[in-house]
C-alpha atoms as a PDB file:
ATOM      1  CA  MET A   1     122.911 116.555  -6.621  1.00  0.00           C
ATOM      2  CA  THR A   2     122.940 114.016  -3.812  1.00  0.00           C
ATOM      3  CA  THR A   3     125.663 113.728  -1.225  1.00  0.00           C
ATOM      4  CA  GLY A   4     126.767 110.730   0.800  1.00  0.00           C
ATOM      5  CA  PRO A   5     126.703 110.511   4.565  1.00  0.00           C
ATOM      6  CA  ARG A   6     128.773 113.101   6.394  1.00  0.00           C
ATOM      7  CA  GLU A   7     132.145 111.780   7.442  1.00  0.00           C
ATOM      8  CA  GLU A   8     132.770 111.343  11.164  1.00  0.00           C
ATOM      9  CA  MET A   9     134.769 114.163  12.725  1.00  0.00           C
ATOM     10  CA  VAL A  10     136.928 113.220  15.712  1.00  0.00           C
ATOM     11  CA  LEU A  11     138.742 115.195  18.402  1.00  0.00           C
ATOM     12  CA  ALA A  12     142.512 115.349  18.000  1.00  0.00           C
ATOM     13  CA  ILE A  13     145.632 117.249  18.987  1.00  0.00           C
ATOM     14  CA  ARG A  14     148.868 117.676  17.117  1.00  0.00           C
ATOM     15  CA  ARG A  15     151.563 115.119  17.834  1.00  0.00           C
ATOM     16  CA  GLY A  16     153.905 118.052  18.402  1.00  0.00           C
ATOM     17  CA  LEU A  17     151.931 119.131  21.476  1.00  0.00           C
ATOM     18  CA  PHE A  18     152.233 115.656  22.958  1.00  0.00           C
ATOM     19  CA  ASP A  19     155.969 115.632  22.276  1.00  0.00           C
ATOM     20  CA  GLN A  20     156.281 119.084  23.833  1.00  0.00           C
ATOM     21  CA  LEU A  21     154.451 117.967  26.991  1.00  0.00           C
ATOM     22  CA  GLY A  22     156.637 114.872  27.146  1.00  0.00           C
ATOM     23  CA  ASP A  23     156.020 111.725  25.144  1.00  0.00           C
ATOM     24  CA  PHE A  24     156.004 108.377  26.943  1.00  0.00           C
ATOM     25  CA  GLN A  25     155.302 104.718  26.235  1.00  0.00           C
ATOM     26  CA  GLY A  26     152.657 102.949  28.297  1.00  0.00           C
ATOM     27  CA  LEU A  27     150.906 104.806  31.114  1.00  0.00           C
ATOM     28  CA  SER A  28     151.598 108.193  32.670  1.00  0.00           C
ATOM     29  CA  PHE A  29     149.900 109.048  35.962  1.00  0.00           C
ATOM     30  CA  ASP A  30     150.851 112.725  35.703  1.00  0.00           C
ATOM     31  CA  VAL A  31     147.328 113.750  34.664  1.00  0.00           C
ATOM     32  CA  PRO A  32     147.711 117.473  35.642  1.00  0.00           C
ATOM     33  CA  ARG A  33     150.642 117.776  33.250  1.00  0.00           C
ATOM     34  CA  TYR A  34     148.744 116.575  30.188  1.00  0.00           C
ATOM     35  CA  LEU A  35     145.003 116.966  30.555  1.00  0.00           C
ATOM     36  CA  PRO A  36     144.562 120.763  30.858  1.00  0.00           C
ATOM     37  CA  PRO A  37     146.644 121.498  27.720  1.00  0.00           C
ATOM     38  CA  ILE A  38     144.910 118.708  25.787  1.00  0.00           C
ATOM     39  CA  LEU A  39     141.451 120.051  26.680  1.00  0.00           C
ATOM     40  CA  ALA A  40     142.415 123.682  26.062  1.00  0.00           C
ATOM     41  CA  ARG A  41     140.336 124.771  23.076  1.00  0.00           C
ATOM     42  CA  GLU A  42     143.279 126.383  21.321  1.00  0.00           C
ATOM     43  CA  ASN A  43     145.080 123.019  21.264  1.00  0.00           C
ATOM     44  CA  ASN A  44     142.385 120.576  20.132  1.00  0.00           C
ATOM     45  CA  PHE A  45     140.273 120.435  16.999  1.00  0.00           C
ATOM     46  CA  PHE A  46     138.021 118.149  14.994  1.00  0.00           C
ATOM     47  CA  VAL A  47     139.310 116.390  11.912  1.00  0.00           C
ATOM     48  CA  SER A  48     137.914 113.732   9.602  1.00  0.00           C
ATOM     49  CA  ARG A  49     138.478 110.262  10.998  1.00  0.00           C
ATOM     50  CA  SER A  50     139.895 108.994   7.698  1.00  0.00           C
ATOM     51  CA  ARG A  51     142.661 111.589   7.908  1.00  0.00           C
ATOM     52  CA  ALA A  52     143.231 111.131  11.635  1.00  0.00           C
ATOM     53  CA  GLU A  53     143.684 107.374  11.274  1.00  0.00           C
ATOM     54  CA  THR A  54     146.511 107.793   8.752  1.00  0.00           C
ATOM     55  CA  ASP A  55     148.258 111.036   9.793  1.00  0.00           C
ATOM     56  CA  PRO A  56     151.115 110.382  12.265  1.00  0.00           C
ATOM     57  CA  GLY A  57     151.193 114.106  12.968  1.00  0.00           C
ATOM     58  CA  LEU A  58     147.910 113.811  14.870  1.00  0.00           C
ATOM     59  CA  LYS A  59     146.789 112.105  18.071  1.00  0.00           C
ATOM     60  CA  GLN A  60     143.115 111.227  18.438  1.00  0.00           C
ATOM     61  CA  ILE A  61     141.847 111.652  22.001  1.00  0.00           C
ATOM     62  CA  ILE A  62     140.203 108.449  23.268  1.00  0.00           C
ATOM     63  CA  PRO A  63     138.582 108.206  26.710  1.00  0.00           C
ATOM     64  CA  TYR A  64     139.018 104.670  28.065  1.00  0.00           C
ATOM     65  CA  VAL A  65     136.715 103.873  30.973  1.00  0.00           C
ATOM     66  CA  ILE A  66     137.361 101.057  33.458  1.00  0.00           C
ATOM     67  CA  LEU A  67     134.345 100.146  35.612  1.00  0.00           C
ATOM     68  CA  THR A  68     135.002  98.708  39.064  1.00  0.00           C
ATOM     69  CA  HIS A  69     132.994  97.494  42.054  1.00  0.00           C
ATOM     70  CA  ALA A  70     134.206  95.985  45.317  1.00  0.00           C
ATOM     71  CA  GLY A  71     137.712  95.436  43.993  1.00  0.00           C
ATOM     72  CA  ARG A  72     136.578  93.693  40.805  1.00  0.00           C
ATOM     73  CA  VAL A  73     136.818  95.037  37.255  1.00  0.00           C
ATOM     74  CA  LEU A  74     134.287  94.777  34.436  1.00  0.00           C
ATOM     75  CA  HIS A  75     135.575  92.558  31.614  1.00  0.00           C
ATOM     76  CA  TYR A  76     134.028  91.713  28.267  1.00  0.00           C
ATOM     77  CA  VAL A  77     134.871  90.201  24.900  1.00  0.00           C
ATOM     78  CA  ARG A  78     134.228  92.039  21.648  1.00  0.00           C
ATOM     79  CA  GLY A  79     131.870  89.964  19.505  1.00  0.00           C
ATOM     80  CA  LYS A  80     131.841  89.631  15.734  1.00  0.00           C
ATOM     81  CA  LYS A  81     129.495  92.598  15.349  1.00  0.00           C
ATOM     82  CA  GLY A  82     132.110  94.930  16.770  1.00  0.00           C
ATOM     83  CA  GLY A  83     132.940  97.936  14.620  1.00  0.00           C
ATOM     84  CA  GLU A  84     136.726  97.736  15.049  1.00  0.00           C
ATOM     85  CA  LYS A  85     137.718  94.572  13.188  1.00  0.00           C
ATOM     86  CA  ARG A  86     141.236  94.589  14.636  1.00  0.00           C
ATOM     87  CA  LEU A  87     139.828  94.053  18.147  1.00  0.00           C
ATOM     88  CA  ILE A  88     137.262  91.309  17.478  1.00  0.00           C
ATOM     89  CA  ALA A  89     137.433  88.363  19.905  1.00  0.00           C
ATOM     90  CA  LYS A  90     139.804  90.275  22.174  1.00  0.00           C
ATOM     91  CA  GLY A  91     139.064  90.668  25.858  1.00  0.00           C
ATOM     92  CA  SER A  92     138.843  94.211  27.209  1.00  0.00           C
ATOM     93  CA  ILE A  93     138.435  96.094  30.477  1.00  0.00           C
ATOM     94  CA  GLY A  94     137.942  99.472  28.775  1.00  0.00           C
ATOM     95  CA  ILE A  95     134.873 101.155  27.337  1.00  0.00           C
ATOM     96  CA  GLY A  96     135.633 104.068  25.080  1.00  0.00           C
ATOM     97  CA  GLY A  97     135.831 105.586  21.673  1.00  0.00           C
ATOM     98  CA  HIS A  98     136.290 108.739  19.681  1.00  0.00           C
ATOM     99  CA  LEU A  99     134.913 112.104  20.727  1.00  0.00           C
ATOM    100  CA  ASN A 100     132.896 113.712  17.940  1.00  0.00           C
ATOM    101  CA  ASP A 101     131.939 117.254  17.045  1.00  0.00           C
ATOM    102  CA  ALA A 102     128.404 116.421  18.213  1.00  0.00           C
ATOM    103  CA  ASP A 103     129.877 116.333  21.741  1.00  0.00           C
ATOM    104  CA  GLU A 104     130.954 119.961  21.462  1.00  0.00           C
ATOM    105  CA  ASN A 105     128.772 122.447  23.310  1.00  0.00           C
ATOM    106  CA  LEU A 106     127.728 125.787  21.879  1.00  0.00           C
ATOM    107  CA  PHE A 107     130.750 127.587  23.211  1.00  0.00           C
ATOM    108  CA  SER A 108     133.802 125.340  23.194  1.00  0.00           C
ATOM    109  CA  PHE A 109     135.083 121.837  23.748  1.00  0.00           C
ATOM    110  CA  ASP A 110     135.976 122.326  27.402  1.00  0.00           C
ATOM    111  CA  GLN A 111     136.237 119.846  30.269  1.00  0.00           C
ATOM    112  CA  ARG A 112     132.472 119.862  30.761  1.00  0.00           C
ATOM    113  CA  ALA A 113     131.904 118.925  27.126  1.00  0.00           C
ATOM    114  CA  TYR A 114     134.639 116.310  27.380  1.00  0.00           C
ATOM    115  CA  LEU A 115     133.068 114.616  30.421  1.00  0.00           C
ATOM    116  CA  ALA A 116     129.671 114.643  28.710  1.00  0.00           C
ATOM    117  CA  GLY A 117     131.289 112.913  25.742  1.00  0.00           C
ATOM    118  CA  VAL A 118     132.800 110.284  28.034  1.00  0.00           C
ATOM    119  CA  LYS A 119     129.391 109.565  29.551  1.00  0.00           C
ATOM    120  CA  ARG A 120     127.876 109.289  26.065  1.00  0.00           C
ATOM    121  CA  GLU A 121     130.488 106.718  25.057  1.00  0.00           C
ATOM    122  CA  VAL A 122     129.717 104.546  28.084  1.00  0.00           C
ATOM    123  CA  ASP A 123     125.950 104.921  27.657  1.00  0.00           C
ATOM    124  CA  GLU A 124     126.186 103.819  24.018  1.00  0.00           C
ATOM    125  CA  GLU A 125     127.722 100.474  24.980  1.00  0.00           C
ATOM    126  CA  LEU A 126     126.436  99.744  28.492  1.00  0.00           C
ATOM    127  CA  ILE A 127     123.428 100.223  30.747  1.00  0.00           C
ATOM    128  CA  VAL A 128     124.836 101.331  34.100  1.00  0.00           C
ATOM    129  CA  GLN A 129     122.158 101.305  36.795  1.00  0.00           C
ATOM    130  CA  SER A 130     124.518 101.992  39.689  1.00  0.00           C
ATOM    131  CA  GLY A 131     125.781 105.324  40.888  1.00  0.00           C
ATOM    132  CA  TYR A 132     129.482 105.962  40.370  1.00  0.00           C
ATOM    133  CA  GLN A 133     132.398 108.293  40.934  1.00  0.00           C
ATOM    134  CA  ASN A 134     134.456 109.198  37.879  1.00  0.00           C
ATOM    135  CA  HIS A 135     138.221 109.362  38.491  1.00  0.00           C
ATOM    136  CA  ILE A 136     140.702 110.323  35.767  1.00  0.00           C
ATOM    137  CA  ARG A 137     143.709 108.194  36.679  1.00  0.00           C
ATOM    138  CA  ALA A 138     146.231 108.239  33.838  1.00  0.00           C
ATOM    139  CA  LEU A 139     147.015 108.740  30.179  1.00  0.00           C
ATOM    140  CA  LEU A 140     147.908 105.902  27.839  1.00  0.00           C
ATOM    141  CA  ASN A 141     150.179 106.004  24.809  1.00  0.00           C
ATOM    142  CA  ASP A 142     151.316 103.044  22.733  1.00  0.00           C
ATOM    143  CA  ASP A 143     153.611 103.912  19.843  1.00  0.00           C
ATOM    144  CA  SER A 144     154.575 100.264  19.304  1.00  0.00           C
ATOM    145  CA  ASN A 145     152.095  99.864  16.435  1.00  0.00           C
ATOM    146  CA  GLU A 146     150.486 101.980  13.707  1.00  0.00           C
ATOM    147  CA  VAL A 147     147.093 102.094  15.431  1.00  0.00           C
ATOM    148  CA  GLY A 148     148.521 103.258  18.732  1.00  0.00           C
ATOM    149  CA  GLN A 149     150.686 105.895  17.075  1.00  0.00           C
ATOM    150  CA  VAL A 150     147.625 107.954  16.125  1.00  0.00           C
ATOM    151  CA  HIS A 151     145.699 107.598  19.412  1.00  0.00           C
ATOM    152  CA  LEU A 152     146.113 108.909  22.953  1.00  0.00           C
ATOM    153  CA  GLY A 153     144.033 107.379  25.734  1.00  0.00           C
ATOM    154  CA  ILE A 154     142.684 109.090  28.841  1.00  0.00           C
ATOM    155  CA  ILE A 155     141.989 106.424  31.451  1.00  0.00           C
ATOM    156  CA  HIS A 156     138.938 106.895  33.649  1.00  0.00           C
ATOM    157  CA  VAL A 157     137.943 104.645  36.529  1.00  0.00           C
ATOM    158  CA  PHE A 158     134.215 104.571  37.250  1.00  0.00           C
ATOM    159  CA  GLU A 159     133.948 103.422  40.871  1.00  0.00           C
ATOM    160  CA  LEU A 160     130.457 101.921  41.000  1.00  0.00           C
ATOM    161  CA  SER A 161     128.225 101.737  44.065  1.00  0.00           C
ATOM    162  CA  GLY A 162     126.771  98.440  42.776  1.00  0.00           C
ATOM    163  CA  ASP A 163     127.308  95.865  40.060  1.00  0.00           C
ATOM    164  CA  GLN A 164     124.125  96.530  38.064  1.00  0.00           C
ATOM    165  CA  VAL A 165     125.683  96.760  34.606  1.00  0.00           C
ATOM    166  CA  SER A 166     124.384  95.179  31.411  1.00  0.00           C
ATOM    167  CA  LYS A 167     125.255  95.488  27.752  1.00  0.00           C
ATOM    168  CA  ARG A 168     123.499  97.794  25.326  1.00  0.00           C
ATOM    169  CA  GLU A 169     125.444  96.955  22.160  1.00  0.00           C
ATOM    170  CA  ALA A 170     125.523  93.547  20.497  1.00  0.00           C
ATOM    171  CA  GLN A 171     129.328  93.651  20.213  1.00  0.00           C
ATOM    172  CA  ILE A 172     129.618  93.352  24.008  1.00  0.00           C
ATOM    173  CA  THR A 173     129.732  89.676  25.031  1.00  0.00           C
ATOM    174  CA  GLN A 174     130.702  87.664  28.123  1.00  0.00           C
ATOM    175  CA  LEU A 175     130.212  90.668  30.408  1.00  0.00           C
ATOM    176  CA  SER A 176     131.312  89.997  33.995  1.00  0.00           C
ATOM    177  CA  PHE A 177     133.243  91.454  36.921  1.00  0.00           C
ATOM    178  CA  LEU A 178     136.605  89.746  37.464  1.00  0.00           C
ATOM    179  CA  THR A 179     139.203  89.960  40.215  1.00  0.00           C
ATOM    180  CA  PRO A 180     142.647  91.388  39.440  1.00  0.00           C
ATOM    181  CA  GLU A 181     144.039  87.861  39.724  1.00  0.00           C
ATOM    182  CA  GLU A 182     141.595  86.588  37.109  1.00  0.00           C
ATOM    183  CA  LEU A 183     142.502  89.447  34.789  1.00  0.00           C
ATOM    184  CA  HIS A 184     146.229  88.795  35.116  1.00  0.00           C
ATOM    185  CA  ALA A 185     145.545  85.173  34.198  1.00  0.00           C
ATOM    186  CA  ARG A 186     143.766  86.330  31.021  1.00  0.00           C
ATOM    187  CA  ARG A 187     146.294  88.987  30.067  1.00  0.00           C
ATOM    188  CA  ASP A 188     147.366  87.312  26.827  1.00  0.00           C
ATOM    189  CA  GLN A 189     143.761  87.333  25.550  1.00  0.00           C
ATOM    190  CA  LEU A 190     143.297  91.075  26.138  1.00  0.00           C
ATOM    191  CA  GLU A 191     143.584  93.924  23.652  1.00  0.00           C
ATOM    192  CA  THR A 192     146.840  95.874  23.978  1.00  0.00           C
ATOM    193  CA  TRP A 193     145.432  98.847  25.875  1.00  0.00           C
ATOM    194  CA  SER A 194     143.784  96.535  28.397  1.00  0.00           C
ATOM    195  CA  GLN A 195     147.065  94.667  28.828  1.00  0.00           C
ATOM    196  CA  LEU A 196     148.805  97.926  29.682  1.00  0.00           C
ATOM    197  CA  CYS A 197     146.054  98.763  32.175  1.00  0.00           C
ATOM    198  CA  VAL A 198     146.142  95.331  33.800  1.00  0.00           C
ATOM    199  CA  ASP A 199     149.914  95.682  34.204  1.00  0.00           C
ATOM    200  CA  ASN A 200     149.213  98.863  36.231  1.00  0.00           C
ATOM    201  CA  LEU A 201     145.914  97.789  37.785  1.00  0.00           C
ATOM    202  CA  GLU A 202     146.864  98.194  41.426  1.00  0.00           C
ATOM    203  CA  ARG A 203     147.827 101.830  40.891  1.00  0.00           C
ATOM    204  CA  LEU A 204     144.805 102.545  38.692  1.00  0.00           C
ATOM    205  CA  LEU A 205     142.454 101.240  41.386  1.00  0.00           C
ATOM    206  CA  ALA A 206     144.180 103.041  44.233  1.00  0.00           C
ATOM    207  CA  ALA A 207     141.864 105.118  46.393  1.00  0.00           C
ATOM    208  CA  GLU A 208     143.791 108.352  46.100  1.00  0.00           C
ATOM    209  CA  GLY A 209     143.664 110.620  43.089  1.00  0.00           C
ATOM    210  CA  GLY A 210     140.756 111.590  40.940  1.00  0.00           C
END
């Protein structure tokens, strides 16, 4: 008997936990309130992506990484080879995706395993040849649409020491660093999560925090 390919398993929490911690729309900069409970092993688990995408009782955890250098932000457009059809031809300032059970270490899915998964996501899409500091700045929730209702973003800012970044995946096109002013001018062409980040860009890029 032959079996098909194994279905992707993605990291999620129950919507009830998010509601208990305090639901919000848009960005929350109260990272200490949300992140430790979300990354506590007793609160997160892996579930098939097909279920997670359609179960409003779950929130998939999505790291969303913004890369910056000298006050500019990396921007790209998702090409036609992009895996998420709903985002094709949209501009973005975030690199990210689902965390899978392959990211789990031998003991638990703790913060160390989480950060390794974040790095894997970036490395799959980009070649970053500069050193960087990784700051977790905010969480992002958008319940205004069906896609957003089943996802919860964790916004990272990679503060790069140089601008040596190139694409690894074909879906990444028009890669360039833009000023905040240029991004505000392009806001209407951005995916929703990037719009929310651009609306809060000054605070996201602030020196304090981490």
